[in-house]
Amino acid sequence: MSEDFAVLAERVVDELLAASPSRAHWAGDHRYDHHLDDLSDDAVGRQVGQLREASRELSVLDVEALGPQDEVDLQLLAAEVDARLFELTSIDERTWNPLVHNPGQLIFGLIARGVGEPEERLAAIGSRLAAIPDALA
């Protein structure tokens, strides 16, 4: 893997996962299990800015310098970034779909998954439950 692409890809993926603990959870990354998605205007604005920057950075990479596997990874990552950007700017489901704000799936996912110690999952559930009033305010 091209070192420049690897560093960029890792940063972009980390930003995508950090911005959406629900996506991180379903992707198998449990670093953010103690958090809910921040659907506030400020958080979404920051995420849109990060996504636009990531899209720009990915689009200027020299595809010719990448191997075939990296080229596929680049295309997949660029498509994910562009899709997420479209979701946040054009669809903006959080503004019209009340189910987006329902944390039930995030709680259920921690209860039902067989990964991690029960104590860790319980602590994450507690953190998510404690965050619900602020998230819904």
Foldseek 3Di string as FASTA:
>chain_A
DPPVLVVLLVVLVVLVCVQAVVVCLVVPNCPCLLDHHQLDPVSLVVLLVSLVVSLVVLVPDDLVPDDPVSNVVSVVSNVVSVVVNCCCPVVVVVVPPCVVLDCVVSLVSLVPDPDDDPVVSVNSSVSHVVCSVVSVD
